C-alpha atoms as a PDB file:
ATOM      1  CA  UNK A   1      77.077  90.096 108.861  1.00  0.00           C
ATOM      2  CA  UNK A   2      80.400  91.879 108.378  1.00  0.00           C
ATOM      3  CA  UNK A   3      78.622  95.208 107.769  1.00  0.00           C
ATOM      4  CA  UNK A   4      76.559  94.742 110.955  1.00  0.00           C
ATOM      5  CA  UNK A   5      79.788  94.109 112.896  1.00  0.00           C
ATOM      6  CA  UNK A   6      81.369  97.243 111.399  1.00  0.00           C
ATOM      7  CA  UNK A   7      78.286  99.306 112.294  1.00  0.00           C
ATOM      8  CA  UNK A   8      78.349  98.169 115.937  1.00  0.00           C
ATOM      9  CA  UNK A   9      82.121  98.691 116.057  1.00  0.00           C
ATOM     10  CA  UNK A  10      81.751 102.279 114.878  1.00  0.00           C
ATOM     11  CA  UNK A  11      78.828 102.854 117.229  1.00  0.00           C
ATOM     12  CA  UNK A  12      80.800 101.555 120.217  1.00  0.00           C
ATOM     13  CA  UNK A  13      83.853 103.607 119.228  1.00  0.00           C
ATOM     14  CA  UNK A  14      81.772 106.781 119.051  1.00  0.00           C
ATOM     15  CA  UNK A  15      80.242 106.075 122.480  1.00  0.00           C
ATOM     16  CA  UNK A  16      83.398 104.919 124.256  1.00  0.00           C
ATOM     17  CA  UNK A  17      85.825 107.318 122.557  1.00  0.00           C
ATOM     18  CA  UNK A  18      84.194 110.719 122.193  1.00  0.00           C
ATOM     19  CA  UNK A  19      85.372 112.788 119.268  1.00  0.00           C
ATOM     20  CA  UNK A  20      87.780 115.578 119.991  1.00  0.00           C
ATOM     21  CA  UNK A  21      88.910 118.518 117.959  1.00  0.00           C
ATOM     22  CA  UNK A  22      90.692 118.005 114.678  1.00  0.00           C
ATOM     23  CA  UNK A  23      94.376 117.139 114.555  1.00  0.00           C
ATOM     24  CA  UNK A  24      96.472 120.095 115.672  1.00  0.00           C
ATOM     25  CA  UNK A  25      99.794 121.119 114.215  1.00  0.00           C
ATOM     26  CA  UNK A  26     101.446 120.166 117.519  1.00  0.00           C
ATOM     27  CA  UNK A  27     100.089 116.622 117.250  1.00  0.00           C
ATOM     28  CA  UNK A  28     100.965 116.116 113.601  1.00  0.00           C
ATOM     29  CA  UNK A  29     104.096 118.210 113.371  1.00  0.00           C
ATOM     30  CA  UNK A  30     105.521 119.365 110.037  1.00  0.00           C
ATOM     31  CA  UNK A  31     103.649 118.156 106.972  1.00  0.00           C
ATOM     32  CA  UNK A  32     100.237 117.796 108.629  1.00  0.00           C
ATOM     33  CA  UNK A  33      98.357 114.730 107.448  1.00  0.00           C
ATOM     34  CA  UNK A  34      95.436 115.306 105.089  1.00  0.00           C
ATOM     35  CA  UNK A  35      93.068 112.354 104.833  1.00  0.00           C
ATOM     36  CA  UNK A  36      92.069 110.821 101.514  1.00  0.00           C
ATOM     37  CA  UNK A  37      90.120 107.943 103.102  1.00  0.00           C
ATOM     38  CA  UNK A  38      88.232 109.673 105.923  1.00  0.00           C
ATOM     39  CA  UNK A  39      90.776 108.392 108.461  1.00  0.00           C
ATOM     40  CA  UNK A  40      94.380 108.994 109.317  1.00  0.00           C
ATOM     41  CA  UNK A  41      96.730 107.619 111.925  1.00  0.00           C
ATOM     42  CA  UNK A  42      99.393 109.427 113.926  1.00  0.00           C
ATOM     43  CA  UNK A  43     101.986 107.288 115.693  1.00  0.00           C
ATOM     44  CA  UNK A  44     103.955 109.132 118.362  1.00  0.00           C
ATOM     45  CA  UNK A  45     106.947 106.995 119.295  1.00  0.00           C
ATOM     46  CA  UNK A  46     107.972 109.252 122.191  1.00  0.00           C
ATOM     47  CA  UNK A  47     104.502 108.875 123.761  1.00  0.00           C
ATOM     48  CA  UNK A  48     104.150 105.155 122.918  1.00  0.00           C
ATOM     49  CA  UNK A  49     100.825 106.008 121.318  1.00  0.00           C
ATOM     50  CA  UNK A  50      98.833 105.398 118.164  1.00  0.00           C
ATOM     51  CA  UNK A  51      96.002 107.855 117.457  1.00  0.00           C
ATOM     52  CA  UNK A  52      93.237 107.285 114.912  1.00  0.00           C
ATOM     53  CA  UNK A  53      91.427 110.306 113.525  1.00  0.00           C
ATOM     54  CA  UNK A  54      88.326 110.559 111.389  1.00  0.00           C
ATOM     55  CA  UNK A  55      86.997 113.685 109.735  1.00  0.00           C
ATOM     56  CA  UNK A  56      85.318 114.474 113.076  1.00  0.00           C
ATOM     57  CA  UNK A  57      88.458 114.280 115.227  1.00  0.00           C
ATOM     58  CA  UNK A  58      90.331 111.711 117.296  1.00  0.00           C
ATOM     59  CA  UNK A  59      88.336 108.498 117.719  1.00  0.00           C
ATOM     60  CA  UNK A  60      90.860 105.983 119.092  1.00  0.00           C
ATOM     61  CA  UNK A  61      93.975 106.094 121.228  1.00  0.00           C
ATOM     62  CA  UNK A  62      96.074 102.972 121.762  1.00  0.00           C
ATOM     63  CA  UNK A  63      99.340 102.310 123.549  1.00  0.00           C
ATOM     64  CA  UNK A  64     101.934 101.153 121.055  1.00  0.00           C
ATOM     65  CA  UNK A  65     105.411  99.663 121.043  1.00  0.00           C
ATOM     66  CA  UNK A  66     108.000  99.632 118.320  1.00  0.00           C
ATOM     67  CA  UNK A  67     111.204  98.110 117.037  1.00  0.00           C
ATOM     68  CA  UNK A  68     113.569  96.744 119.647  1.00  0.00           C
ATOM     69  CA  UNK A  69     116.419  98.725 118.031  1.00  0.00           C
ATOM     70  CA  UNK A  70     115.615 101.764 120.150  1.00  0.00           C
ATOM     71  CA  UNK A  71     114.580 105.323 119.380  1.00  0.00           C
ATOM     72  CA  UNK A  72     115.315 107.200 116.204  1.00  0.00           C
ATOM     73  CA  UNK A  73     114.604 106.592 112.552  1.00  0.00           C
ATOM     74  CA  UNK A  74     115.175 103.314 110.735  1.00  0.00           C
ATOM     75  CA  UNK A  75     118.579 103.502 109.065  1.00  0.00           C
ATOM     76  CA  UNK A  76     118.793 100.132 107.297  1.00  0.00           C
ATOM     77  CA  UNK A  77     117.474  96.596 107.199  1.00  0.00           C
ATOM     78  CA  UNK A  78     118.266  94.671 110.362  1.00  0.00           C
ATOM     79  CA  UNK A  79     118.554  97.630 112.744  1.00  0.00           C
ATOM     80  CA  UNK A  80     115.136  96.795 114.282  1.00  0.00           C
ATOM     81  CA  UNK A  81     114.127 100.468 114.366  1.00  0.00           C
ATOM     82  CA  UNK A  82     110.709 101.757 113.371  1.00  0.00           C
ATOM     83  CA  UNK A  83     110.864 104.205 110.431  1.00  0.00           C
ATOM     84  CA  UNK A  84     109.780 107.823 110.884  1.00  0.00           C
ATOM     85  CA  UNK A  85     107.832 109.692 108.214  1.00  0.00           C
ATOM     86  CA  UNK A  86     104.578 109.827 106.305  1.00  0.00           C
ATOM     87  CA  UNK A  87     103.409 106.470 104.956  1.00  0.00           C
ATOM     88  CA  UNK A  88     100.239 104.889 103.582  1.00  0.00           C
ATOM     89  CA  UNK A  89      98.565 101.577 104.275  1.00  0.00           C
ATOM     90  CA  UNK A  90      99.002  99.609 101.060  1.00  0.00           C
ATOM     91  CA  UNK A  91      97.617  96.185 102.040  1.00  0.00           C
ATOM     92  CA  UNK A  92      95.834  94.344 104.822  1.00  0.00           C
ATOM     93  CA  UNK A  93      96.432  90.682 105.573  1.00  0.00           C
ATOM     94  CA  UNK A  94      96.255  88.145 108.362  1.00  0.00           C
ATOM     95  CA  UNK A  95      99.732  87.266 109.603  1.00  0.00           C
ATOM     96  CA  UNK A  96     100.137  83.714 110.939  1.00  0.00           C
ATOM     97  CA  UNK A  97     101.612  84.912 114.274  1.00  0.00           C
ATOM     98  CA  UNK A  98     100.348  88.451 114.857  1.00  0.00           C
ATOM     99  CA  UNK A  99      96.946  88.258 113.199  1.00  0.00           C
ATOM    100  CA  UNK A 100      95.672  91.453 111.530  1.00  0.00           C
ATOM    101  CA  UNK A 101      98.479  93.294 109.734  1.00  0.00           C
ATOM    102  CA  UNK A 102      98.322  96.688 107.997  1.00  0.00           C
ATOM    103  CA  UNK A 103     101.296  96.944 105.632  1.00  0.00           C
ATOM    104  CA  UNK A 104     102.883 100.383 105.175  1.00  0.00           C
ATOM    105  CA  UNK A 105     104.513 101.622 101.984  1.00  0.00           C
ATOM    106  CA  UNK A 106     107.968 101.592 103.585  1.00  0.00           C
ATOM    107  CA  UNK A 107     110.283 102.195 101.876  1.00  0.00           C
ATOM    108  CA  UNK A 108     108.698 105.068  99.997  1.00  0.00           C
ATOM    109  CA  UNK A 109     110.409 107.816  97.982  1.00  0.00           C
ATOM    110  CA  UNK A 110     111.331 109.816 101.091  1.00  0.00           C
ATOM    111  CA  UNK A 111     112.699 106.709 102.829  1.00  0.00           C
ATOM    112  CA  UNK A 112     114.887 105.926  99.818  1.00  0.00           C
ATOM    113  CA  UNK A 113     116.183 109.497  99.745  1.00  0.00           C
ATOM    114  CA  UNK A 114     117.183 109.402 103.440  1.00  0.00           C
ATOM    115  CA  UNK A 115     118.711 105.926 103.013  1.00  0.00           C
ATOM    116  CA  UNK A 116     120.828 106.960 100.017  1.00  0.00           C
ATOM    117  CA  UNK A 117     121.967 110.172 101.744  1.00  0.00           C
ATOM    118  CA  UNK A 118     123.047 108.192 104.821  1.00  0.00           C
ATOM    119  CA  UNK A 119     124.863 105.676 102.660  1.00  0.00           C
ATOM    120  CA  UNK A 120     126.655 108.448 100.730  1.00  0.00           C
ATOM    121  CA  UNK A 121     127.669 110.104 104.022  1.00  0.00           C
ATOM    122  CA  UNK A 122     129.100 106.809 105.311  1.00  0.00           C
ATOM    123  CA  UNK A 123     126.582 106.585 108.160  1.00  0.00           C
ATOM    124  CA  UNK A 124     125.635 103.061 107.102  1.00  0.00           C
ATOM    125  CA  UNK A 125     127.670 100.366 105.333  1.00  0.00           C
ATOM    126  CA  UNK A 126     127.934 100.541 101.542  1.00  0.00           C
ATOM    127  CA  UNK A 127     126.405  97.064 101.256  1.00  0.00           C
ATOM    128  CA  UNK A 128     123.434  97.884 103.530  1.00  0.00           C
ATOM    129  CA  UNK A 129     119.904  97.339 102.259  1.00  0.00           C
ATOM    130  CA  UNK A 130     116.856  99.403 103.180  1.00  0.00           C
ATOM    131  CA  UNK A 131     114.485  96.668 104.341  1.00  0.00           C
ATOM    132  CA  UNK A 132     110.714  96.502 104.083  1.00  0.00           C
ATOM    133  CA  UNK A 133     107.651  94.696 105.358  1.00  0.00           C
ATOM    134  CA  UNK A 134     106.942  97.330 108.013  1.00  0.00           C
ATOM    135  CA  UNK A 135     103.389  97.625 109.268  1.00  0.00           C
ATOM    136  CA  UNK A 136     100.968  97.921 112.144  1.00  0.00           C
ATOM    137  CA  UNK A 137     100.046  94.668 113.861  1.00  0.00           C
ATOM    138  CA  UNK A 138      99.114  93.164 117.176  1.00  0.00           C
ATOM    139  CA  UNK A 139     100.941  91.032 119.641  1.00  0.00           C
ATOM    140  CA  UNK A 140     100.594  87.275 119.625  1.00  0.00           C
ATOM    141  CA  UNK A 141      97.185  86.464 121.164  1.00  0.00           C
ATOM    142  CA  UNK A 142      98.481  85.886 124.720  1.00  0.00           C
ATOM    143  CA  UNK A 143     101.262  88.483 124.746  1.00  0.00           C
ATOM    144  CA  UNK A 144      99.433  91.797 125.219  1.00  0.00           C
ATOM    145  CA  UNK A 145     101.647  92.287 128.289  1.00  0.00           C
ATOM    146  CA  UNK A 146     104.406  93.476 125.928  1.00  0.00           C
ATOM    147  CA  UNK A 147     102.310  96.555 125.157  1.00  0.00           C
ATOM    148  CA  UNK A 148     101.235  96.970 128.804  1.00  0.00           C
ATOM    149  CA  UNK A 149     104.911  96.948 129.850  1.00  0.00           C
ATOM    150  CA  UNK A 150     105.959  99.142 126.888  1.00  0.00           C
ATOM    151  CA  UNK A 151     108.420  96.476 125.709  1.00  0.00           C
ATOM    152  CA  UNK A 152     109.682  97.377 122.247  1.00  0.00           C
ATOM    153  CA  UNK A 153     109.835  93.911 120.735  1.00  0.00           C
ATOM    154  CA  UNK A 154     109.310  94.127 116.953  1.00  0.00           C
ATOM    155  CA  UNK A 155     111.865  94.180 114.143  1.00  0.00           C
ATOM    156  CA  UNK A 156     110.659  97.641 113.154  1.00  0.00           C
ATOM    157  CA  UNK A 157     106.874  97.415 113.059  1.00  0.00           C
ATOM    158  CA  UNK A 158     104.309  99.213 115.200  1.00  0.00           C
ATOM    159  CA  UNK A 159     102.559  96.875 117.630  1.00  0.00           C
ATOM    160  CA  UNK A 160      99.328  97.338 119.545  1.00  0.00           C
ATOM    161  CA  UNK A 161      97.369  94.749 121.523  1.00  0.00           C
ATOM    162  CA  UNK A 162      95.944  91.819 119.588  1.00  0.00           C
ATOM    163  CA  UNK A 163      92.270  92.860 119.713  1.00  0.00           C
ATOM    164  CA  UNK A 164      93.159  96.489 118.993  1.00  0.00           C
ATOM    165  CA  UNK A 165      94.906  95.349 115.813  1.00  0.00           C
ATOM    166  CA  UNK A 166      91.692  93.576 114.817  1.00  0.00           C
ATOM    167  CA  UNK A 167      89.724  96.801 115.364  1.00  0.00           C
ATOM    168  CA  UNK A 168      92.193  98.741 113.192  1.00  0.00           C
ATOM    169  CA  UNK A 169      92.037  96.038 110.516  1.00  0.00           C
ATOM    170  CA  UNK A 170      88.235  96.229 110.371  1.00  0.00           C
ATOM    171  CA  UNK A 171      88.022 100.031 110.541  1.00  0.00           C
ATOM    172  CA  UNK A 172      90.919 101.476 108.557  1.00  0.00           C
ATOM    173  CA  UNK A 173      90.874 101.295 104.737  1.00  0.00           C
ATOM    174  CA  UNK A 174      93.835 100.699 102.446  1.00  0.00           C
ATOM    175  CA  UNK A 175      95.217 104.084 101.375  1.00  0.00           C
ATOM    176  CA  UNK A 176      94.996 105.630 104.851  1.00  0.00           C
ATOM    177  CA  UNK A 177      97.835 107.979 105.741  1.00  0.00           C
ATOM    178  CA  UNK A 178     100.055 107.082 108.696  1.00  0.00           C
ATOM    179  CA  UNK A 179     102.367 109.688 110.198  1.00  0.00           C
ATOM    180  CA  UNK A 180     105.095 108.159 112.368  1.00  0.00           C
ATOM    181  CA  UNK A 181     107.017 110.670 114.456  1.00  0.00           C
END
């Protein structure tokens, strides 16, 4: 049954969201994403958008909101900012409040390097910690309005609408690259 659902999901995505050209350098920016799973995700914080690409081009575009800490890169745990960089989905789970959750590998080696450089430069307190548990998830079931209104409400995660998170959960495999810019 699950494979039938996935087939119809992919069929409806290909009909409703026609494929476009491959990811351009302007969309990805420096360090263009190369897929190892057949999919990759680009999150553009300045456009409040999450784009899903397959080997055939862009297949999904969702509005997205981010950490309530404002623009810029995550500096430390508790700042409620969404980290910027290249990450991978390392796990998928069902969160008790937000439903489908795609966990990112934040902090990764690059995140640790930036964190330690900021700490050494005195940009963050010496006792600061880096944080973790950042991922892509939906809103609570009846709170899609937060995405419609572009209300940045998370503690640093990327949020799409509840049903869109379910689509991502069913479509995107663990290991998929996620570029957040």
